[in-house]
Protein backbone atom coordinates (compact mmCIF):
# COMPACT_ATOMS: atom_id res chain seq x y z
CA MET A 1 70.12 1.68 25.81
CA LYS A 2 67.57 2.92 28.32
CA ILE A 3 64.34 4.36 26.95
CA ALA A 4 61.38 5.67 28.94
CA ILE A 5 58.05 5.67 27.09
CA SER A 6 55.30 7.93 28.37
CA GLY A 7 52.03 9.44 27.22
CA LYS A 8 48.39 9.87 28.08
CA GLY A 9 46.50 6.67 28.86
CA GLY A 10 45.25 4.91 25.75
CA VAL A 11 47.52 6.59 23.22
CA GLY A 12 49.51 3.42 22.52
CA LYS A 13 52.65 3.64 24.63
CA THR A 14 52.29 0.00 25.68
CA THR A 15 51.93 -1.01 22.03
CA LEU A 16 55.16 0.82 21.16
CA THR A 17 56.98 -0.67 24.15
CA ALA A 18 55.92 -4.19 23.16
CA LEU A 19 56.95 -3.66 19.53
CA LEU A 20 60.41 -2.36 20.42
CA ALA A 21 60.95 -5.00 23.11
CA GLN A 22 60.25 -7.89 20.74
CA LEU A 23 62.21 -6.26 17.94
CA TYR A 24 65.34 -5.89 20.07
CA ALA A 25 64.93 -9.38 21.54
CA ASP A 26 64.71 -10.86 18.04
CA LYS A 27 68.04 -9.17 17.33
CA GLY A 28 69.53 -11.21 20.16
CA LEU A 29 69.85 -8.33 22.62
CA ASP A 30 69.29 -8.63 26.37
CA VAL A 31 65.93 -6.89 26.86
CA LEU A 32 64.24 -5.96 30.12
CA ALA A 33 60.79 -4.42 29.70
CA VAL A 34 59.34 -2.78 32.80
CA ASP A 35 55.62 -2.13 33.10
CA ALA A 36 55.46 0.91 35.36
CA ASP A 37 51.89 1.83 34.47
CA PRO A 38 49.36 1.64 37.35
CA SER A 39 47.17 -0.48 35.04
CA PRO A 40 49.73 -2.94 33.65
CA CYS A 41 48.94 -4.50 30.26
CA LEU A 42 52.36 -4.92 28.66
CA ALA A 43 52.25 -8.71 29.11
CA GLY A 44 49.14 -8.87 26.95
CA ALA A 45 50.67 -6.67 24.25
CA LEU A 46 53.67 -9.02 24.17
CA GLY A 47 51.35 -11.99 23.72
CA VAL A 48 52.41 -13.64 26.98
CA PRO A 49 50.12 -16.66 27.55
CA ASP A 50 47.70 -16.38 30.46
CA VAL A 51 49.31 -19.31 32.25
CA ILE A 52 52.58 -17.37 32.35
CA GLN A 53 50.94 -14.03 33.12
CA ASP A 54 49.43 -15.63 36.19
CA THR A 55 52.95 -16.08 37.60
CA LEU A 56 53.74 -12.37 37.19
CA ALA A 57 52.96 -10.26 40.25
CA PRO A 58 53.42 -6.48 40.63
CA ILE A 59 56.22 -5.65 43.06
CA ALA A 60 54.02 -3.09 44.83
CA GLU A 61 51.62 -5.88 45.83
CA MET A 62 54.29 -8.16 47.35
CA ASN A 63 53.51 -7.24 50.93
CA GLU A 64 55.72 -9.84 52.58
CA LEU A 65 58.70 -8.88 50.44
CA ILE A 66 58.19 -5.17 51.10
CA GLU A 67 57.96 -5.75 54.84
CA GLU A 68 61.04 -7.98 54.77
CA ARG A 69 63.12 -5.41 52.89
CA THR A 70 61.86 -2.19 54.51
CA GLY A 71 61.00 -3.39 57.99
CA ALA A 72 57.46 -1.99 57.83
CA LYS A 73 54.10 -3.31 56.72
CA PRO A 74 52.69 -1.93 53.47
CA GLY A 75 49.82 0.47 53.97
CA THR A 76 51.35 2.01 57.06
CA THR A 77 52.67 5.54 57.43
CA GLY A 78 54.96 7.07 59.99
CA GLY A 79 57.35 5.10 62.13
CA PHE A 80 60.74 3.90 60.99
CA PHE A 81 61.57 1.86 57.91
CA THR A 82 64.42 1.49 55.45
CA ILE A 83 64.15 4.01 52.64
CA ASN A 84 66.80 2.29 50.49
CA PRO A 85 65.99 -1.42 50.79
CA ARG A 86 67.85 -4.15 48.98
CA VAL A 87 66.42 -4.56 45.45
CA ASP A 88 69.30 -5.92 43.36
CA ASP A 89 67.82 -9.43 43.15
CA ILE A 90 64.28 -8.34 42.25
CA PRO A 91 64.54 -7.88 38.45
CA ASP A 92 65.86 -11.39 37.89
CA ARG A 93 63.90 -13.08 40.65
CA PHE A 94 60.45 -11.67 39.92
CA SER A 95 60.48 -11.12 36.16
CA ILE A 96 59.14 -13.58 33.60
CA THR A 97 60.68 -14.30 30.21
CA HIS A 98 58.76 -14.75 26.98
CA ARG A 99 60.40 -15.03 23.56
CA GLY A 100 63.57 -13.40 24.79
CA VAL A 101 61.89 -10.47 26.55
CA ARG A 102 62.15 -10.31 30.33
CA LEU A 103 59.14 -8.53 31.82
CA LEU A 104 58.82 -6.95 35.25
CA GLU A 105 55.70 -5.30 36.69
CA MET A 106 56.16 -2.47 39.18
CA GLY A 107 52.55 -1.98 40.32
CA ALA A 108 50.69 1.11 41.46
CA VAL A 109 52.04 3.33 44.22
CA ASP A 110 52.09 7.11 44.35
CA LEU A 111 55.61 7.99 43.22
CA GLY A 112 54.95 11.67 42.60
CA GLY A 113 55.87 14.72 44.57
CA SER A 114 52.86 14.56 46.87
CA GLY A 115 54.98 13.77 49.89
CA CYS A 116 53.94 10.14 50.09
CA ILE A 117 56.42 8.32 52.32
CA CYS A 118 55.51 4.69 52.77
CA PRO A 119 57.26 1.31 52.53
CA GLU A 120 55.77 0.62 49.08
CA SER A 121 56.98 3.88 47.57
CA ALA A 122 60.43 3.47 49.13
CA MET A 123 60.67 0.01 47.58
CA LEU A 124 59.65 1.12 44.09
CA LYS A 125 61.74 4.29 44.07
CA THR A 126 64.85 2.31 45.02
CA LEU A 127 64.03 -0.40 42.48
CA PHE A 128 63.52 2.12 39.72
CA THR A 129 66.88 3.75 40.41
CA HIS A 130 68.53 0.32 40.45
CA LEU A 131 67.03 -0.51 37.04
CA LEU A 132 68.62 2.56 35.50
CA PHE A 133 72.03 1.55 36.84
CA ARG A 134 71.83 -2.05 35.59
CA LYS A 135 73.85 -3.28 32.64
CA ASP A 136 70.96 -4.60 30.55
CA GLU A 137 71.59 -3.98 26.86
CA VAL A 138 68.06 -2.63 26.41
CA LEU A 139 65.82 -1.29 29.18
CA LEU A 140 62.34 -0.19 28.11
CA LEU A 141 60.18 1.59 30.68
CA ASP A 142 56.45 1.66 29.95
CA MET A 143 55.48 4.59 32.17
CA TYR A 144 52.34 6.48 33.07
CA ALA A 145 51.63 9.99 31.75
CA GLY A 146 54.48 11.79 33.45
CA VAL A 147 58.09 11.53 34.58
CA GLU A 148 57.46 10.90 38.28
CA HIS A 149 59.60 7.76 38.17
CA LEU A 150 62.61 9.76 36.99
CA GLY A 151 64.67 12.19 39.04
CA ARG A 152 67.68 14.42 38.72
CA ALA A 153 69.95 11.70 40.11
CA THR A 154 68.98 9.19 37.42
CA VAL A 155 68.11 11.32 34.39
CA ASP A 156 71.63 11.04 32.94
CA PHE A 157 71.14 7.29 32.65
CA VAL A 158 68.07 7.65 30.41
CA ASP A 159 69.04 7.73 26.75
CA ALA A 160 65.68 9.11 25.69
CA LEU A 161 62.12 9.86 26.70
CA ILE A 162 59.61 8.96 24.00
CA ILE A 163 56.20 10.59 24.36
CA VAL A 164 53.51 8.74 22.42
CA VAL A 165 50.76 10.95 21.05
CA GLU A 166 47.69 10.74 18.86
CA PRO A 167 47.18 13.42 16.20
CA THR A 168 44.80 15.44 18.37
CA ARG A 169 45.18 18.72 20.25
CA ARG A 170 44.31 17.08 23.54
CA SER A 171 46.99 14.42 23.15
CA VAL A 172 49.60 16.96 22.09
CA GLY A 173 48.60 19.11 25.07
CA THR A 174 49.40 16.21 27.40
CA ALA A 175 52.73 15.75 25.61
CA GLU A 176 53.54 19.41 26.28
CA GLN A 177 52.93 18.89 29.99
CA ILE A 178 55.18 15.83 30.06
CA TYR A 179 57.82 17.74 28.08
CA LYS A 180 57.82 20.58 30.61
CA LEU A 181 58.12 18.15 33.53
CA ALA A 182 61.01 16.42 31.81
CA HIS A 183 62.80 19.73 31.29
CA ASP A 184 62.37 20.50 34.99
CA ILE A 185 64.65 17.54 35.76
CA HIS A 186 66.98 18.47 32.87
CA LEU A 187 66.03 15.61 30.57
CA GLU A 188 66.87 16.93 27.13
CA ARG A 189 66.60 13.88 24.86
CA ILE A 190 62.86 13.88 24.20
CA TRP A 191 61.05 12.62 21.10
CA LEU A 192 57.50 12.19 19.92
CA VAL A 193 56.05 9.08 18.31
CA GLY A 194 52.68 9.49 16.68
CA ASN A 195 50.17 6.65 16.94
CA LYS A 196 46.89 5.98 15.10
CA VAL A 197 48.11 8.19 12.25
CA GLN A 198 46.23 8.02 8.95
CA THR A 199 47.18 10.98 6.76
CA ARG A 200 50.09 13.19 5.80
CA GLU A 201 48.17 16.11 7.33
CA GLU A 202 48.18 14.36 10.71
CA ILE A 203 51.93 13.78 10.44
CA SER A 204 52.41 17.47 9.64
CA PHE A 205 50.26 18.40 12.64
CA LEU A 206 52.55 16.38 14.94
CA GLU A 207 55.74 17.66 13.30
CA ASN A 208 54.62 21.24 13.96
CA ASN A 209 53.81 20.74 17.64
CA PRO A 210 54.09 23.95 19.72
CA MET A 211 57.05 22.73 21.80
CA GLY A 212 59.08 21.77 18.76
CA ILE A 213 59.60 18.20 20.02
CA PRO A 214 61.21 16.15 17.22
CA LEU A 215 58.93 13.52 15.67
CA LEU A 216 60.78 10.21 15.75
CA GLY A 217 58.24 8.29 13.67
CA THR A 218 54.62 7.21 13.47
CA LEU A 219 52.50 4.10 13.88
CA PRO A 220 49.58 3.69 11.48
CA SER A 221 45.98 3.47 12.60
CA THR A 222 44.84 -0.14 12.37
CA PRO A 223 42.11 -2.31 13.92
CA GLY A 224 44.70 -5.07 14.23
CA VAL A 225 45.75 -3.88 17.68
CA ILE A 226 42.30 -4.51 19.14
CA GLU A 227 42.06 -7.83 17.33
CA ALA A 228 45.49 -8.95 18.62
CA ASP A 229 44.38 -8.18 22.18
CA ARG A 230 41.11 -10.05 21.73
CA ILE A 231 42.76 -13.24 20.47
CA GLY A 232 45.77 -13.01 22.79
CA LYS A 233 48.47 -12.56 20.14
CA ALA A 234 51.48 -10.27 20.25
CA VAL A 235 50.85 -7.12 18.25
CA TYR A 236 54.37 -7.58 16.86
CA ASP A 237 53.25 -10.78 15.12
CA HIS A 238 49.66 -9.93 14.30
CA VAL A 239 50.06 -6.48 12.73
CA PRO A 240 52.90 -6.46 10.15
CA GLU A 241 52.48 -2.76 9.36
CA LEU A 242 53.12 -1.88 13.01
CA ARG A 243 56.15 -4.16 13.12
CA GLN A 244 57.59 -2.40 10.06
CA ALA A 245 56.91 1.01 11.60
CA ALA A 246 58.71 -0.10 14.78
CA ILE A 247 61.69 -1.22 12.70
CA GLU A 248 61.89 2.25 11.17
CA ILE A 249 61.61 3.91 14.60
CA ALA A 250 64.36 1.67 16.02
CA HIS A 251 66.54 2.51 13.02
CA ARG A 252 66.02 6.21 13.67
CA ILE A 253 66.94 5.74 17.34
CA GLU A 254 70.15 4.05 16.25
CA GLU A 255 70.96 6.86 13.82
CA ILE A 256 70.47 9.51 16.50
CA SER A 257 72.55 7.52 18.99
CA GLN A 258 75.38 7.30 16.49
CA GLU A 259 75.17 11.03 15.79
CA ARG A 260 75.44 11.73 19.51
CA ALA A 261 78.49 9.49 19.77
CA LEU A 262 80.39 11.41 17.07
């Protein structure tokens, strides 16, 4: 199962990624969670202790490794370097494991269509493709607001794109943009998950989104998320109502997967 989770910054995609990652790990599955957000915070949402977080470094900031694998120094442009460097050892070598969840940080490099050709981007693009071809039982990709990490060559390996939204017009507008980008690369399995939802009216608002994107489930609005971050606890442990909502979302994912298999 390979799930990409996207959405506008601050809507709760990292919270959802952390909830699903710990849920699947507690089921005994092999889980690799990849923080592909330019401002990584998935380790905190998983409750990884600071002493362990300090050993986790974004791949994009490993200058010596990038130079070794590409043949060019990071920060340089032009010249010759390997555009498909070796990356097969990176997920296991540079990830950390906490409570059964392996976590890898990608780091911030322009991976969009702006024409950026540099050693860092070559490294991350190759690594991202490799992740989608791996045999991990569960791969969760905590992405930025977009689908720049995905491409036509890898889209068939993504089981679903989940767009996390708040029950606001602005958030749904961002979801529409992500939806259109995903359709451009022929990604058809797209769902919404509502976060910070309080009323039935807000659920109805998300269900009736202009693009007709199916609503997979919702996460309730709760101050427990902020409190969990402040005290350094996993949201999965600290906020039972969010854990239960994640269980229901995971169950719905399983139901849809089974329907597709028939």
